Amino acid sequence: MQIRNATAGDAAAIAAIYNDAVLHTTAIWNDVTVDAANRADWIVQRQAQGFPVLVACDAAAVFGYASYGPFRAFDGYRMTVEHSVYVDATRRGSGTGRHLMQALIKQAQTDGLHVMVAAIEAGNAASIRLHQQLGFQQTGLMPQVGQKFGRWLDLAMLQLRLNDRATP
């Protein structure tokens, strides 16, 4: 497995992983799928803003991706990012998500960021467990703030402090 920066050539694979999550999981709280052009634009925009888009791949295919971006739009949050990580359904549980997360955390530390936030559907025990194994701590639970598939969804908030700086 290789972890590398995404390129426009990865957009179709990223769209397929994203769309599977939209259609079949509560990991993404959207109802609308996207096409490769949408994901190519997303990659360009993220990278232009200085945020990484990483992919997990082998010689044959991309089978996971991860990124982070602003947690909130206000200046005071500029050292905090919210991330996302998604893995092809056939590769979940294979360690791909862990490898992507480790690379993403390292990148955030290199970028001098202070906190990484994870917002995870509270019923996604595998994702919450992975994040906790990587040092994230659950800091909140927001009951019934979302909905999908005809039911209310709770949002678990987790965070990882990326460094021990006493001041910004």
Protein backbone atom coordinates (compact mmCIF):
# COMPACT_ATOMS: atom_id res chain seq x y z
CA MET A 1 0.00 0.00 0.00
CA GLN A 2 1.21 3.48 -0.88
CA ILE A 3 -0.05 6.73 0.66
CA ARG A 4 0.46 9.74 -1.62
CA ASN A 5 -1.00 13.11 -2.53
CA ALA A 6 -4.08 12.86 -4.72
CA THR A 7 -4.07 14.05 -8.31
CA ALA A 8 -6.91 14.87 -10.69
CA GLY A 9 -6.43 11.36 -12.09
CA ASP A 10 -7.68 9.96 -8.78
CA ALA A 11 -10.99 11.84 -8.94
CA ALA A 12 -13.07 8.99 -10.39
CA ALA A 13 -11.91 6.54 -7.73
CA ILE A 14 -12.48 9.10 -4.96
CA ALA A 15 -15.97 9.79 -6.35
CA ALA A 16 -16.77 6.07 -6.35
CA ILE A 17 -15.68 5.68 -2.70
CA TYR A 18 -17.58 8.83 -1.71
CA ASN A 19 -20.73 7.75 -3.57
CA ASP A 20 -20.73 4.31 -1.97
CA ALA A 21 -20.60 5.99 1.46
CA VAL A 22 -23.43 8.35 0.48
CA LEU A 23 -25.65 5.54 -0.80
CA HIS A 24 -24.94 2.83 1.76
CA THR A 25 -23.62 4.31 5.02
CA THR A 26 -24.19 7.04 7.56
CA ALA A 27 -20.54 8.12 7.33
CA ILE A 28 -21.50 10.96 4.97
CA TRP A 29 -24.69 12.84 5.75
CA ASN A 30 -25.41 13.79 2.15
CA ASP A 31 -28.07 12.33 -0.08
CA VAL A 32 -26.59 13.34 -3.44
CA THR A 33 -23.79 11.55 -5.25
CA VAL A 34 -21.02 13.32 -7.15
CA ASP A 35 -19.12 12.77 -10.38
CA ALA A 36 -15.39 12.72 -11.08
CA ALA A 37 -15.42 16.38 -12.19
CA ASN A 38 -16.85 17.37 -8.80
CA ARG A 39 -14.11 15.49 -6.94
CA ALA A 40 -11.40 16.86 -9.27
CA ASP A 41 -12.58 20.39 -8.42
CA TRP A 42 -12.64 19.46 -4.72
CA ILE A 43 -9.05 18.16 -4.89
CA VAL A 44 -7.85 21.35 -6.61
CA GLN A 45 -9.68 23.60 -4.13
CA ARG A 46 -8.40 21.73 -1.07
CA GLN A 47 -4.83 21.73 -2.29
CA ALA A 48 -4.99 25.40 -3.33
CA GLN A 49 -6.02 26.24 0.25
CA GLY A 50 -2.97 24.35 1.54
CA PHE A 51 -4.86 21.29 2.76
CA PRO A 52 -3.83 17.74 1.91
CA VAL A 53 -5.83 15.18 0.01
CA LEU A 54 -4.16 11.81 0.45
CA VAL A 55 -4.98 8.54 -1.28
CA ALA A 56 -4.20 4.95 -0.39
CA CYS A 57 -3.41 2.90 -3.47
CA ASP A 58 -1.47 0.08 -5.00
CA ALA A 59 -0.32 -0.32 -8.59
CA ALA A 60 -3.87 -1.15 -9.66
CA ALA A 61 -6.25 1.19 -7.85
CA VAL A 62 -7.03 3.89 -5.31
CA PHE A 63 -8.96 2.33 -2.39
CA GLY A 64 -9.12 5.09 0.20
CA TYR A 65 -8.67 8.78 0.74
CA ALA A 66 -8.36 11.29 3.55
CA SER A 67 -8.23 15.05 3.90
CA TYR A 68 -8.61 17.85 6.38
CA GLY A 69 -9.88 21.38 6.15
CA PRO A 70 -11.09 24.22 8.33
CA PHE A 71 -12.96 23.29 11.48
CA ARG A 72 -14.83 26.61 11.53
CA ALA A 73 -14.49 29.72 9.40
CA PHE A 74 -13.41 32.10 12.17
CA ASP A 75 -9.77 33.18 12.61
CA GLY A 76 -9.56 31.87 16.16
CA TYR A 77 -9.95 28.29 14.86
CA ARG A 78 -7.13 28.48 12.30
CA MET A 79 -4.96 25.97 14.21
CA THR A 80 -7.78 23.42 14.35
CA VAL A 81 -8.85 21.22 11.43
CA GLU A 82 -11.62 18.71 10.86
CA HIS A 83 -10.71 15.64 8.88
CA SER A 84 -12.43 12.93 6.90
CA VAL A 85 -11.27 9.48 5.89
CA TYR A 86 -13.09 7.02 3.63
CA VAL A 87 -12.16 3.54 2.46
CA ASP A 88 -13.56 1.42 -0.35
CA ALA A 89 -16.15 -1.01 1.02
CA THR A 90 -14.06 -4.03 -0.01
CA ARG A 91 -11.04 -2.76 1.96
CA ARG A 92 -12.67 -1.64 5.22
CA GLY A 93 -11.04 -3.30 8.22
CA SER A 94 -7.81 -3.93 6.28
CA GLY A 95 -5.74 -1.21 7.95
CA THR A 96 -6.18 1.26 5.10
CA GLY A 97 -8.01 3.79 7.28
CA ARG A 98 -5.32 3.55 9.98
CA HIS A 99 -2.52 4.16 7.46
CA LEU A 100 -4.37 7.13 5.96
CA MET A 101 -5.05 8.58 9.41
CA GLN A 102 -1.43 8.18 10.51
CA ALA A 103 -0.23 9.99 7.39
CA LEU A 104 -2.85 12.71 7.84
CA ILE A 105 -1.91 13.24 11.50
CA LYS A 106 1.77 13.47 10.55
CA GLN A 107 0.93 16.04 7.87
CA ALA A 108 -1.10 18.11 10.34
CA GLN A 109 1.80 18.05 12.78
CA THR A 110 4.21 19.09 10.02
CA ASP A 111 1.82 21.93 9.14
CA GLY A 112 2.06 23.14 12.75
CA LEU A 113 -1.60 22.58 13.54
CA HIS A 114 -2.73 22.12 17.13
CA VAL A 115 -5.97 20.08 17.16
CA MET A 116 -7.62 17.65 14.73
CA VAL A 117 -11.36 17.14 15.12
CA ALA A 118 -13.38 14.10 14.08
CA ALA A 119 -17.16 14.28 13.73
CA ILE A 120 -18.39 10.67 13.50
CA GLU A 121 -21.89 9.20 13.40
CA ALA A 122 -22.18 7.85 16.94
CA GLY A 123 -23.20 4.37 15.79
CA ASN A 124 -20.01 3.93 13.74
CA ALA A 125 -18.20 1.93 16.41
CA ALA A 126 -15.36 0.86 14.09
CA SER A 127 -14.46 4.44 13.19
CA ILE A 128 -14.71 5.64 16.78
CA ARG A 129 -12.53 2.72 17.95
CA LEU A 130 -9.91 3.47 15.26
CA HIS A 131 -9.78 7.12 16.26
CA GLN A 132 -9.45 6.25 19.94
CA GLN A 133 -6.61 3.83 19.14
CA LEU A 134 -4.84 6.74 17.43
CA GLY A 135 -5.19 8.92 20.53
CA PHE A 136 -8.43 10.80 19.83
CA GLN A 137 -10.65 11.43 22.84
CA GLN A 138 -14.41 11.79 22.66
CA THR A 139 -15.27 15.28 23.82
CA GLY A 140 -18.96 15.43 23.06
CA LEU A 141 -22.12 13.80 21.79
CA MET A 142 -24.76 15.73 19.88
CA PRO A 143 -28.01 13.71 19.85
CA GLN A 144 -30.28 13.77 16.80
CA VAL A 145 -28.46 16.57 14.94
CA GLY A 146 -28.66 14.74 11.62
CA GLN A 147 -30.88 12.40 9.68
CA LYS A 148 -30.49 9.82 6.97
CA PHE A 149 -32.30 6.69 5.85
CA GLY A 150 -35.42 7.80 7.75
CA ARG A 151 -33.85 8.03 11.19
CA TRP A 152 -32.19 10.56 13.46
CA LEU A 153 -28.41 10.42 13.78
CA ASP A 154 -26.24 11.34 16.74
CA LEU A 155 -22.85 12.96 16.18
CA ALA A 156 -19.85 11.97 18.29
CA MET A 157 -17.15 14.63 18.52
CA LEU A 158 -13.58 13.49 19.04
CA GLN A 159 -10.33 15.41 19.03
CA LEU A 160 -6.61 14.83 18.99
CA ARG A 161 -4.12 17.38 20.30
CA LEU A 162 -1.29 17.35 17.78
CA ASN A 163 1.36 19.03 19.94
CA ASP A 164 1.98 20.25 23.48
CA ARG A 165 2.49 23.96 22.77
CA ALA A 166 1.37 26.03 25.75
CA THR A 167 0.49 29.04 23.54
CA PRO A 168 -0.31 29.55 19.88
